[in-house]
Amino acid sequence: MPALNLRDARLLARALDAAAEELDLPLTSRQVQALAQLTARRLAEVAVQRPPVPGGFRPPDVPPSSSP
């Protein structure tokens, strides 16, 4: 997974800001932005370490769940 694009980084920052607000954490917008950048870097590091998915890979068909 390449580095997050600007749109994804903004969405991540908005999600972190909303989570901080919901949890009533006193984070500044600068702290939220720093947290978003750190999270993006960690996601990129994990993606590099993950083995690639074979080109012909298809997830198994999962039957629709029956709702009661």
C-alpha atoms as a PDB file:
ATOM      1  CA  MET A   1       0.000   0.000   0.000  1.00  0.00           C
ATOM      2  CA  PRO A   2       1.579   3.288  -1.006  1.00  0.00           C
ATOM      3  CA  ALA A   3       1.501   6.301   1.248  1.00  0.00           C
ATOM      4  CA  LEU A   4      -1.959   7.694   1.829  1.00  0.00           C
ATOM      5  CA  ASN A   5      -3.050  10.240  -0.712  1.00  0.00           C
ATOM      6  CA  LEU A   6      -4.137  13.682   0.430  1.00  0.00           C
ATOM      7  CA  ARG A   7      -7.844  12.782   0.388  1.00  0.00           C
ATOM      8  CA  ASP A   8      -7.289   9.665   2.505  1.00  0.00           C
ATOM      9  CA  ALA A   9      -5.081  11.595   4.932  1.00  0.00           C
ATOM     10  CA  ARG A  10      -7.792  14.225   5.340  1.00  0.00           C
ATOM     11  CA  LEU A  11     -10.436  11.553   5.929  1.00  0.00           C
ATOM     12  CA  LEU A  12      -8.193   9.914   8.512  1.00  0.00           C
ATOM     13  CA  ALA A  13      -7.656  13.238  10.287  1.00  0.00           C
ATOM     14  CA  ARG A  14     -11.420  13.905  10.312  1.00  0.00           C
ATOM     15  CA  ALA A  15     -12.111  10.440  11.712  1.00  0.00           C
ATOM     16  CA  LEU A  16      -9.515  10.885  14.449  1.00  0.00           C
ATOM     17  CA  ASP A  17     -10.894  14.325  15.270  1.00  0.00           C
ATOM     18  CA  ALA A  18     -14.420  12.924  15.542  1.00  0.00           C
ATOM     19  CA  ALA A  19     -13.200  10.066  17.745  1.00  0.00           C
ATOM     20  CA  ALA A  20     -11.340  12.470  20.035  1.00  0.00           C
ATOM     21  CA  GLU A  21     -14.446  14.633  20.303  1.00  0.00           C
ATOM     22  CA  GLU A  22     -16.701  11.661  21.020  1.00  0.00           C
ATOM     23  CA  LEU A  23     -14.306  10.415  23.703  1.00  0.00           C
ATOM     24  CA  ASP A  24     -14.067  13.959  25.066  1.00  0.00           C
ATOM     25  CA  LEU A  25     -10.293  14.040  24.644  1.00  0.00           C
ATOM     26  CA  PRO A  26      -8.843  17.554  24.744  1.00  0.00           C
ATOM     27  CA  LEU A  27      -6.781  17.314  21.542  1.00  0.00           C
ATOM     28  CA  THR A  28      -5.849  20.320  19.465  1.00  0.00           C
ATOM     29  CA  SER A  29      -6.172  20.223  15.686  1.00  0.00           C
ATOM     30  CA  ARG A  30      -2.366  20.142  15.489  1.00  0.00           C
ATOM     31  CA  GLN A  31      -2.277  17.044  17.724  1.00  0.00           C
ATOM     32  CA  VAL A  32      -4.964  15.356  15.641  1.00  0.00           C
ATOM     33  CA  GLN A  33      -2.986  16.109  12.469  1.00  0.00           C
ATOM     34  CA  ALA A  34       0.192  14.684  14.020  1.00  0.00           C
ATOM     35  CA  LEU A  35      -1.703  11.566  15.086  1.00  0.00           C
ATOM     36  CA  ALA A  36      -3.097  11.173  11.563  1.00  0.00           C
ATOM     37  CA  GLN A  37       0.401  11.453  10.060  1.00  0.00           C
ATOM     38  CA  LEU A  38       1.790   8.911  12.510  1.00  0.00           C
ATOM     39  CA  THR A  39      -1.089   6.528  11.796  1.00  0.00           C
ATOM     40  CA  ALA A  40      -0.559   6.881   8.035  1.00  0.00           C
ATOM     41  CA  ARG A  41       3.146   6.072   8.440  1.00  0.00           C
ATOM     42  CA  ARG A  42       2.381   3.012  10.563  1.00  0.00           C
ATOM     43  CA  LEU A  43      -0.188   1.786   8.025  1.00  0.00           C
ATOM     44  CA  ALA A  44       2.387   2.181   5.246  1.00  0.00           C
ATOM     45  CA  GLU A  45       4.996   0.261   7.286  1.00  0.00           C
ATOM     46  CA  VAL A  46       2.584  -2.604   7.897  1.00  0.00           C
ATOM     47  CA  ALA A  47       1.622  -2.696   4.222  1.00  0.00           C
ATOM     48  CA  VAL A  48       5.276  -3.031   3.220  1.00  0.00           C
ATOM     49  CA  GLN A  49       5.773  -5.949   5.610  1.00  0.00           C
ATOM     50  CA  ARG A  50       2.633  -7.790   4.472  1.00  0.00           C
ATOM     51  CA  PRO A  51       3.288 -10.361   1.729  1.00  0.00           C
ATOM     52  CA  PRO A  52       1.650  -9.535  -1.597  1.00  0.00           C
ATOM     53  CA  VAL A  53      -1.632 -11.178  -2.509  1.00  0.00           C
ATOM     54  CA  PRO A  54      -1.288 -13.495  -5.523  1.00  0.00           C
ATOM     55  CA  GLY A  55      -2.786 -12.060  -8.704  1.00  0.00           C
ATOM     56  CA  GLY A  56      -5.340 -14.843  -9.093  1.00  0.00           C
ATOM     57  CA  PHE A  57      -6.524 -14.723  -5.488  1.00  0.00           C
ATOM     58  CA  ARG A  58     -10.264 -14.539  -4.990  1.00  0.00           C
ATOM     59  CA  PRO A  59     -11.870 -14.593  -1.570  1.00  0.00           C
ATOM     60  CA  PRO A  60     -14.222 -17.522  -0.998  1.00  0.00           C
ATOM     61  CA  ASP A  61     -17.875 -16.998  -1.752  1.00  0.00           C
ATOM     62  CA  VAL A  62     -19.703 -16.311   1.473  1.00  0.00           C
ATOM     63  CA  PRO A  63     -23.403 -17.117   1.443  1.00  0.00           C
ATOM     64  CA  PRO A  64     -25.641 -14.259   2.588  1.00  0.00           C
ATOM     65  CA  SER A  65     -26.451 -14.470   6.257  1.00  0.00           C
ATOM     66  CA  SER A  66     -30.018 -15.265   7.101  1.00  0.00           C
ATOM     67  CA  SER A  67     -31.602 -12.575   9.223  1.00  0.00           C
ATOM     68  CA  PRO A  68     -34.040 -13.709  11.927  1.00  0.00           C
END
